[in-house]
Amino acid sequence: ELNVDAFLEQARSYDKAKSSSPLGWYLSNAQSS
């Protein structure tokens, strides 16, 4: 039942959320560090 296209759309949403503000960028880096 998993959908690759939906997962890629989820990835694009994450990109948008990350780049929408300095806080989003900071939290993304903190999440990955």
PDB file of all heavy atoms in Angstrom:
ATOM      1  N   GLU A   1       0.804  -1.219   0.000  1.00  0.00           N
ATOM      2  CA  GLU A   1       0.000   0.000   0.000  1.00  0.00           C
ATOM      3  C   GLU A   1       0.842   1.275   0.000  1.00  0.00           C
ATOM      4  O   GLU A   1       0.302   2.378  -0.077  1.00  0.00           O
ATOM      5  CB  GLU A   1      -0.918  -0.003   1.231  1.00  0.00           C
ATOM      6  CG  GLU A   1      -1.874  -1.189   1.271  1.00  0.00           C
ATOM      7  CD  GLU A   1      -2.701  -1.198   2.546  1.00  0.00           C
ATOM      8  OE1 GLU A   1      -3.273  -0.150   2.877  1.00  0.00           O
ATOM      9  OE2 GLU A   1      -2.751  -2.246   3.212  1.00  0.00           O
ATOM     10  N   LEU A   2       2.150   1.148   0.117  1.00  0.00           N
ATOM     11  CA  LEU A   2       3.017   2.325   0.141  1.00  0.00           C
ATOM     12  C   LEU A   2       3.093   2.964  -1.239  1.00  0.00           C
ATOM     13  O   LEU A   2       3.074   2.275  -2.264  1.00  0.00           O
ATOM     14  CB  LEU A   2       4.411   1.944   0.633  1.00  0.00           C
ATOM     15  CG  LEU A   2       4.506   1.567   2.117  1.00  0.00           C
ATOM     16  CD1 LEU A   2       5.887   1.013   2.431  1.00  0.00           C
ATOM     17  CD2 LEU A   2       4.209   2.764   3.005  1.00  0.00           C
ATOM     18  N   ASN A   3       3.205   4.286  -1.271  1.00  0.00           N
ATOM     19  CA  ASN A   3       3.143   5.052  -2.515  1.00  0.00           C
ATOM     20  C   ASN A   3       4.376   5.940  -2.634  1.00  0.00           C
ATOM     21  O   ASN A   3       4.571   6.864  -1.838  1.00  0.00           O
ATOM     22  CB  ASN A   3       1.867   5.907  -2.516  1.00  0.00           C
ATOM     23  CG  ASN A   3       1.651   6.639  -3.829  1.00  0.00           C
ATOM     24  OD1 ASN A   3       2.572   7.226  -4.384  1.00  0.00           O
ATOM     25  ND2 ASN A   3       0.418   6.615  -4.313  1.00  0.00           N
ATOM     26  N   VAL A   4       5.239   5.655  -3.619  1.00  0.00           N
ATOM     27  CA  VAL A   4       6.483   6.400  -3.805  1.00  0.00           C
ATOM     28  C   VAL A   4       6.211   7.869  -4.113  1.00  0.00           C
ATOM     29  O   VAL A   4       6.873   8.766  -3.581  1.00  0.00           O
ATOM     30  CB  VAL A   4       7.335   5.756  -4.921  1.00  0.00           C
ATOM     31  CG1 VAL A   4       8.494   6.668  -5.307  1.00  0.00           C
ATOM     32  CG2 VAL A   4       7.870   4.407  -4.464  1.00  0.00           C
ATOM     33  N   ASP A   5       5.251   8.144  -4.982  1.00  0.00           N
ATOM     34  CA  ASP A   5       4.957   9.538  -5.354  1.00  0.00           C
ATOM     35  C   ASP A   5       4.499  10.350  -4.141  1.00  0.00           C
ATOM     36  O   ASP A   5       4.874  11.520  -3.984  1.00  0.00           O
ATOM     37  CB  ASP A   5       3.893   9.579  -6.452  1.00  0.00           C
ATOM     38  CG  ASP A   5       4.405   9.017  -7.768  1.00  0.00           C
ATOM     39  OD1 ASP A   5       5.607   9.202  -8.064  1.00  0.00           O
ATOM     40  OD2 ASP A   5       3.624   8.392  -8.493  1.00  0.00           O
ATOM     41  N   ALA A   6       3.700   9.727  -3.285  1.00  0.00           N
ATOM     42  CA  ALA A   6       3.246  10.423  -2.069  1.00  0.00           C
ATOM     43  C   ALA A   6       4.420  10.691  -1.136  1.00  0.00           C
ATOM     44  O   ALA A   6       4.485  11.751  -0.487  1.00  0.00           O
ATOM     45  CB  ALA A   6       2.180   9.591  -1.357  1.00  0.00           C
ATOM     46  N   PHE A   7       5.370   9.751  -1.078  1.00  0.00           N
ATOM     47  CA  PHE A   7       6.538   9.951  -0.223  1.00  0.00           C
ATOM     48  C   PHE A   7       7.416  11.086  -0.751  1.00  0.00           C
ATOM     49  O   PHE A   7       7.951  11.884   0.030  1.00  0.00           O
ATOM     50  CB  PHE A   7       7.347   8.654  -0.142  1.00  0.00           C
ATOM     51  CG  PHE A   7       8.452   8.684   0.880  1.00  0.00           C
ATOM     52  CD1 PHE A   7       8.172   8.807   2.226  1.00  0.00           C
ATOM     53  CD2 PHE A   7       9.777   8.576   0.489  1.00  0.00           C
ATOM     54  CE1 PHE A   7       9.191   8.825   3.180  1.00  0.00           C
ATOM     55  CE2 PHE A   7      10.805   8.595   1.423  1.00  0.00           C
ATOM     56  CZ  PHE A   7      10.509   8.712   2.773  1.00  0.00           C
ATOM     57  N   LEU A   8       7.539  11.188  -2.078  1.00  0.00           N
ATOM     58  CA  LEU A   8       8.308  12.290  -2.665  1.00  0.00           C
ATOM     59  C   LEU A   8       7.609  13.625  -2.419  1.00  0.00           C
ATOM     60  O   LEU A   8       8.276  14.643  -2.183  1.00  0.00           O
ATOM     61  CB  LEU A   8       8.502  12.058  -4.170  1.00  0.00           C
ATOM     62  CG  LEU A   8       9.545  11.005  -4.539  1.00  0.00           C
ATOM     63  CD1 LEU A   8       9.503  10.715  -6.036  1.00  0.00           C
ATOM     64  CD2 LEU A   8      10.944  11.468  -4.133  1.00  0.00           C
ATOM     65  N   GLU A   9       6.300  13.627  -2.454  1.00  0.00           N
ATOM     66  CA  GLU A   9       5.571  14.861  -2.145  1.00  0.00           C
ATOM     67  C   GLU A   9       5.785  15.243  -0.677  1.00  0.00           C
ATOM     68  O   GLU A   9       5.915  16.432  -0.340  1.00  0.00           O
ATOM     69  CB  GLU A   9       4.083  14.666  -2.433  1.00  0.00           C
ATOM     70  CG  GLU A   9       3.259  15.937  -2.286  1.00  0.00           C
ATOM     71  CD  GLU A   9       3.761  17.085  -3.160  1.00  0.00           C
ATOM     72  OE1 GLU A   9       4.166  16.840  -4.313  1.00  0.00           O
ATOM     73  OE2 GLU A   9       3.775  18.243  -2.657  1.00  0.00           O
ATOM     74  N   GLN A  10       5.843  14.244   0.187  1.00  0.00           N
ATOM     75  CA  GLN A  10       6.155  14.481   1.592  1.00  0.00           C
ATOM     76  C   GLN A  10       7.549  15.102   1.727  1.00  0.00           C
ATOM     77  O   GLN A  10       7.754  16.022   2.534  1.00  0.00           O
ATOM     78  CB  GLN A  10       6.095  13.151   2.342  1.00  0.00           C
ATOM     79  CG  GLN A  10       6.463  13.212   3.811  1.00  0.00           C
ATOM     80  CD  GLN A  10       6.459  11.819   4.441  1.00  0.00           C
ATOM     81  OE1 GLN A  10       5.761  10.903   3.981  1.00  0.00           O
ATOM     82  NE2 GLN A  10       7.239  11.646   5.490  1.00  0.00           N
ATOM     83  N   ALA A  11       8.503  14.618   0.924  1.00  0.00           N
ATOM     84  CA  ALA A  11       9.859  15.163   0.956  1.00  0.00           C
ATOM     85  C   ALA A  11       9.875  16.624   0.522  1.00  0.00           C
ATOM     86  O   ALA A  11      10.581  17.452   1.100  1.00  0.00           O
ATOM     87  CB  ALA A  11      10.776  14.327   0.060  1.00  0.00           C
ATOM     88  N   ARG A  12       9.088  16.933  -0.499  1.00  0.00           N
ATOM     89  CA  ARG A  12       9.019  18.333  -0.965  1.00  0.00           C
ATOM     90  C   ARG A  12       8.399  19.224   0.114  1.00  0.00           C
ATOM     91  O   ARG A  12       8.817  20.364   0.297  1.00  0.00           O
ATOM     92  CB  ARG A  12       8.222  18.405  -2.254  1.00  0.00           C
ATOM     93  CG  ARG A  12       8.879  17.663  -3.424  1.00  0.00           C
ATOM     94  CD  ARG A  12       8.102  17.814  -4.727  1.00  0.00           C
ATOM     95  NE  ARG A  12       8.636  16.916  -5.728  1.00  0.00           N
ATOM     96  CZ  ARG A  12       8.062  15.768  -6.101  1.00  0.00           C
ATOM     97  NH1 ARG A  12       6.901  15.402  -5.555  1.00  0.00           N
ATOM     98  NH2 ARG A  12       8.621  14.999  -7.011  1.00  0.00           N
ATOM     99  N   SER A  13       7.415  18.699   0.828  1.00  0.00           N
ATOM    100  CA  SER A  13       6.800  19.460   1.917  1.00  0.00           C
ATOM    101  C   SER A  13       7.808  19.742   3.012  1.00  0.00           C
ATOM    102  O   SER A  13       7.823  20.836   3.600  1.00  0.00           O
ATOM    103  CB  SER A  13       5.606  18.684   2.503  1.00  0.00           C
ATOM    104  OG  SER A  13       4.603  18.488   1.523  1.00  0.00           O
ATOM    105  N   TYR A  14       8.667  18.776   3.286  1.00  0.00           N
ATOM    106  CA  TYR A  14       9.704  18.984   4.299  1.00  0.00           C
ATOM    107  C   TYR A  14      10.672  20.080   3.844  1.00  0.00           C
ATOM    108  O   TYR A  14      11.080  20.934   4.639  1.00  0.00           O
ATOM    109  CB  TYR A  14      10.460  17.684   4.557  1.00  0.00           C
ATOM    110  CG  TYR A  14      11.504  17.806   5.638  1.00  0.00           C
ATOM    111  CD1 TYR A  14      11.172  17.652   6.978  1.00  0.00           C
ATOM    112  CD2 TYR A  14      12.833  18.091   5.323  1.00  0.00           C
ATOM    113  CE1 TYR A  14      12.125  17.778   7.979  1.00  0.00           C
ATOM    114  CE2 TYR A  14      13.788  18.226   6.312  1.00  0.00           C
ATOM    115  CZ  TYR A  14      13.431  18.067   7.641  1.00  0.00           C
ATOM    116  OH  TYR A  14      14.381  18.211   8.626  1.00  0.00           O
ATOM    117  N   ASP A  15      11.040  20.048   2.553  1.00  0.00           N
ATOM    118  CA  ASP A  15      11.919  21.092   2.009  1.00  0.00           C
ATOM    119  C   ASP A  15      11.318  22.472   2.225  1.00  0.00           C
ATOM    120  O   ASP A  15      12.010  23.414   2.624  1.00  0.00           O
ATOM    121  CB  ASP A  15      12.146  20.864   0.507  1.00  0.00           C
ATOM    122  CG  ASP A  15      13.234  19.833   0.239  1.00  0.00           C
ATOM    123  OD1 ASP A  15      13.955  19.476   1.196  1.00  0.00           O
ATOM    124  OD2 ASP A  15      13.359  19.394  -0.908  1.00  0.00           O
ATOM    125  N   LYS A  16      10.029  22.577   1.943  1.00  0.00           N
ATOM    126  CA  LYS A  16       9.357  23.881   2.077  1.00  0.00           C
ATOM    127  C   LYS A  16       9.329  24.323   3.536  1.00  0.00           C
ATOM    128  O   LYS A  16       9.595  25.480   3.859  1.00  0.00           O
ATOM    129  CB  LYS A  16       7.936  23.800   1.525  1.00  0.00           C
ATOM    130  CG  LYS A  16       7.866  23.629   0.017  1.00  0.00           C
ATOM    131  CD  LYS A  16       6.422  23.449  -0.445  1.00  0.00           C
ATOM    132  CE  LYS A  16       6.356  23.160  -1.942  1.00  0.00           C
ATOM    133  NZ  LYS A  16       4.964  22.877  -2.391  1.00  0.00           N
ATOM    134  N   ALA A  17       9.012  23.389   4.437  1.00  0.00           N
ATOM    135  CA  ALA A  17       8.947  23.734   5.859  1.00  0.00           C
ATOM    136  C   ALA A  17      10.318  24.133   6.392  1.00  0.00           C
ATOM    137  O   ALA A  17      10.442  25.060   7.204  1.00  0.00           O
ATOM    138  CB  ALA A  17       8.404  22.533   6.648  1.00  0.00           C
ATOM    139  N   LYS A  18      11.347  23.453   5.906  1.00  0.00           N
ATOM    140  CA  LYS A  18      12.710  23.736   6.364  1.00  0.00           C
ATOM    141  C   LYS A  18      13.183  25.108   5.911  1.00  0.00           C
ATOM    142  O   LYS A  18      13.868  25.827   6.650  1.00  0.00           O
ATOM    143  CB  LYS A  18      13.650  22.648   5.838  1.00  0.00           C
ATOM    144  CG  LYS A  18      15.102  22.819   6.247  1.00  0.00           C
ATOM    145  CD  LYS A  18      15.967  21.729   5.658  1.00  0.00           C
ATOM    146  CE  LYS A  18      16.067  21.856   4.147  1.00  0.00           C
ATOM    147  NZ  LYS A  18      17.053  20.933   3.562  1.00  0.00           N
ATOM    148  N   SER A  19      12.832  25.480   4.673  1.00  0.00           N
ATOM    149  CA  SER A  19      13.332  26.732   4.104  1.00  0.00           C
ATOM    150  C   SER A  19      12.410  27.925   4.346  1.00  0.00           C
ATOM    151  O   SER A  19      12.717  29.040   3.934  1.00  0.00           O
ATOM    152  CB  SER A  19      13.551  26.560   2.602  1.00  0.00           C
ATOM    153  OG  SER A  19      12.340  26.201   1.958  1.00  0.00           O
ATOM    154  N   SER A  20      11.299  27.700   5.029  1.00  0.00           N
ATOM    155  CA  SER A  20      10.317  28.778   5.186  1.00  0.00           C
ATOM    156  C   SER A  20      10.750  29.830   6.199  1.00  0.00           C
ATOM    157  O   SER A  20      10.253  30.957   6.183  1.00  0.00           O
ATOM    158  CB  SER A  20       8.962  28.200   5.602  1.00  0.00           C
ATOM    159  OG  SER A  20       9.077  27.530   6.858  1.00  0.00           O
ATOM    160  N   SER A  21      11.683  29.477   7.102  1.00  0.00           N
ATOM    161  CA  SER A  21      12.117  30.431   8.123  1.00  0.00           C
ATOM    162  C   SER A  21      13.471  30.010   8.673  1.00  0.00           C
ATOM    163  O   SER A  21      13.853  28.835   8.562  1.00  0.00           O
ATOM    164  CB  SER A  21      11.099  30.480   9.269  1.00  0.00           C
ATOM    165  OG  SER A  21      11.121  29.263   9.994  1.00  0.00           O
ATOM    166  N   PRO A  22      14.211  30.942   9.277  1.00  0.00           N
ATOM    167  CA  PRO A  22      15.482  30.571   9.927  1.00  0.00           C
ATOM    168  C   PRO A  22      15.291  29.500  10.992  1.00  0.00           C
ATOM    169  O   PRO A  22      16.154  28.636  11.181  1.00  0.00           O
ATOM    170  CB  PRO A  22      15.959  31.891  10.540  1.00  0.00           C
ATOM    171  CG  PRO A  22      15.318  32.955   9.709  1.00  0.00           C
ATOM    172  CD  PRO A  22      13.979  32.400   9.308  1.00  0.00           C
ATOM    173  N   LEU A  23      14.145  29.536  11.693  1.00  0.00           N
ATOM    174  CA  LEU A  23      13.879  28.530  12.721  1.00  0.00           C
ATOM    175  C   LEU A  23      13.760  27.135  12.106  1.00  0.00           C
ATOM    176  O   LEU A  23      14.278  26.159  12.649  1.00  0.00           O
ATOM    177  CB  LEU A  23      12.593  28.878  13.472  1.00  0.00           C
ATOM    178  CG  LEU A  23      12.176  27.885  14.569  1.00  0.00           C
ATOM    179  CD1 LEU A  23      13.260  27.780  15.648  1.00  0.00           C
ATOM    180  CD2 LEU A  23      10.837  28.293  15.185  1.00  0.00           C
ATOM    181  N   GLY A  24      13.085  27.053  10.951  1.00  0.00           N
ATOM    182  CA  GLY A  24      12.948  25.774  10.271  1.00  0.00           C
ATOM    183  C   GLY A  24      14.306  25.212   9.871  1.00  0.00           C
ATOM    184  O   GLY A  24      14.566  24.010  10.022  1.00  0.00           O
ATOM    185  N   TRP A  25      15.175  26.083   9.376  1.00  0.00           N
ATOM    186  CA  TRP A  25      16.521  25.655   8.982  1.00  0.00           C
ATOM    187  C   TRP A  25      17.305  25.182  10.204  1.00  0.00           C
ATOM    188  O   TRP A  25      17.968  24.143  10.173  1.00  0.00           O
ATOM    189  CB  TRP A  25      17.243  26.828   8.316  1.00  0.00           C
ATOM    190  CG  TRP A  25      18.638  26.516   7.874  1.00  0.00           C
ATOM    191  CD1 TRP A  25      19.037  25.962   6.697  1.00  0.00           C
ATOM    192  CD2 TRP A  25      19.837  26.731   8.633  1.00  0.00           C
ATOM    193  NE1 TRP A  25      20.399  25.809   6.661  1.00  0.00           N
ATOM    194  CE2 TRP A  25      20.923  26.272   7.842  1.00  0.00           C
ATOM    195  CE3 TRP A  25      20.102  27.270   9.892  1.00  0.00           C
ATOM    196  CZ2 TRP A  25      22.242  26.350   8.282  1.00  0.00           C
ATOM    197  CZ3 TRP A  25      21.419  27.329  10.337  1.00  0.00           C
ATOM    198  CH2 TRP A  25      22.471  26.881   9.533  1.00  0.00           C
ATOM    199  N   TYR A  26      17.215  25.919  11.309  1.00  0.00           N
ATOM    200  CA  TYR A  26      17.940  25.575  12.534  1.00  0.00           C
ATOM    201  C   TYR A  26      17.450  24.233  13.087  1.00  0.00           C
ATOM    202  O   TYR A  26      18.251  23.361  13.465  1.00  0.00           O
ATOM    203  CB  TYR A  26      17.751  26.671  13.581  1.00  0.00           C
ATOM    204  CG  TYR A  26      18.322  26.306  14.934  1.00  0.00           C
ATOM    205  CD1 TYR A  26      19.684  26.423  15.190  1.00  0.00           C
ATOM    206  CD2 TYR A  26      17.482  25.812  15.941  1.00  0.00           C
ATOM    207  CE1 TYR A  26      20.202  26.062  16.429  1.00  0.00           C
ATOM    208  CE2 TYR A  26      18.002  25.448  17.178  1.00  0.00           C
ATOM    209  CZ  TYR A  26      19.364  25.580  17.413  1.00  0.00           C
ATOM    210  OH  TYR A  26      19.877  25.209  18.631  1.00  0.00           O
ATOM    211  N   LEU A  27      16.134  24.049  13.145  1.00  0.00           N
ATOM    212  CA  LEU A  27      15.579  22.813  13.695  1.00  0.00           C
ATOM    213  C   LEU A  27      15.956  21.606  12.835  1.00  0.00           C
ATOM    214  O   LEU A  27      16.216  20.513  13.355  1.00  0.00           O
ATOM    215  CB  LEU A  27      14.058  22.917  13.807  1.00  0.00           C
ATOM    216  CG  LEU A  27      13.535  23.891  14.876  1.00  0.00           C
ATOM    217  CD1 LEU A  27      12.020  24.007  14.794  1.00  0.00           C
ATOM    218  CD2 LEU A  27      13.972  23.450  16.272  1.00  0.00           C
ATOM    219  N   SER A  28      15.992  21.805  11.511  1.00  0.00           N
ATOM    220  CA  SER A  28      16.379  20.720  10.612  1.00  0.00           C
ATOM    221  C   SER A  28      17.818  20.291  10.870  1.00  0.00           C
ATOM    222  O   SER A  28      18.127  19.092  10.933  1.00  0.00           O
ATOM    223  CB  SER A  28      16.217  21.161   9.157  1.00  0.00           C
ATOM    224  OG  SER A  28      16.715  20.171   8.282  1.00  0.00           O
ATOM    225  N   ASN A  29      18.714  21.272  11.030  1.00  0.00           N
ATOM    226  CA  ASN A  29      20.112  20.946  11.311  1.00  0.00           C
ATOM    227  C   ASN A  29      20.267  20.279  12.667  1.00  0.00           C
ATOM    228  O   ASN A  29      21.054  19.334  12.825  1.00  0.00           O
ATOM    229  CB  ASN A  29      20.968  22.215  11.247  1.00  0.00           C
ATOM    230  CG  ASN A  29      21.256  22.619   9.814  1.00  0.00           C
ATOM    231  OD1 ASN A  29      21.503  21.775   8.968  1.00  0.00           O
ATOM    232  ND2 ASN A  29      21.208  23.904   9.539  1.00  0.00           N
ATOM    233  N   ALA A  30      19.531  20.772  13.657  1.00  0.00           N
ATOM    234  CA  ALA A  30      19.600  20.177  14.986  1.00  0.00           C
ATOM    235  C   ALA A  30      19.092  18.738  14.961  1.00  0.00           C
ATOM    236  O   ALA A  30      19.628  17.858  15.644  1.00  0.00           O
ATOM    237  CB  ALA A  30      18.780  21.006  15.968  1.00  0.00           C
ATOM    238  N   GLN A  31      18.081  18.492  14.149  1.00  0.00           N
ATOM    239  CA  GLN A  31      17.498  17.159  14.029  1.00  0.00           C
ATOM    240  C   GLN A  31      18.498  16.167  13.432  1.00  0.00           C
ATOM    241  O   GLN A  31      18.522  14.991  13.793  1.00  0.00           O
ATOM    242  CB  GLN A  31      16.245  17.239  13.144  1.00  0.00           C
ATOM    243  CG  GLN A  31      15.448  15.955  13.042  1.00  0.00           C
ATOM    244  CD  GLN A  31      14.233  16.123  12.143  1.00  0.00           C
ATOM    245  OE1 GLN A  31      14.167  17.024  11.321  1.00  0.00           O
ATOM    246  NE2 GLN A  31      13.263  15.240  12.315  1.00  0.00           N
ATOM    247  N   SER A  32      19.348  16.648  12.533  1.00  0.00           N
ATOM    248  CA  SER A  32      20.258  15.771  11.795  1.00  0.00           C
ATOM    249  C   SER A  32      21.638  15.644  12.412  1.00  0.00           C
ATOM    250  O   SER A  32      22.368  14.701  12.087  1.00  0.00           O
ATOM    251  CB  SER A  32      20.423  16.287  10.353  1.00  0.00           C
ATOM    252  OG  SER A  32      19.185  16.362   9.694  1.00  0.00           O
ATOM    253  N   SER A  33      22.023  16.551  13.277  1.00  0.00           N
ATOM    254  CA  SER A  33      23.431  16.705  13.659  1.00  0.00           C
ATOM    255  C   SER A  33      24.057  15.466  14.285  1.00  0.00           C
ATOM    256  O   SER A  33      25.257  15.232  14.136  1.00  0.00           O
ATOM    257  CB  SER A  33      23.597  17.905  14.602  1.00  0.00           C
ATOM    258  OG  SER A  33      22.867  17.692  15.796  1.00  0.00           O
TER     259      SER A  33
END
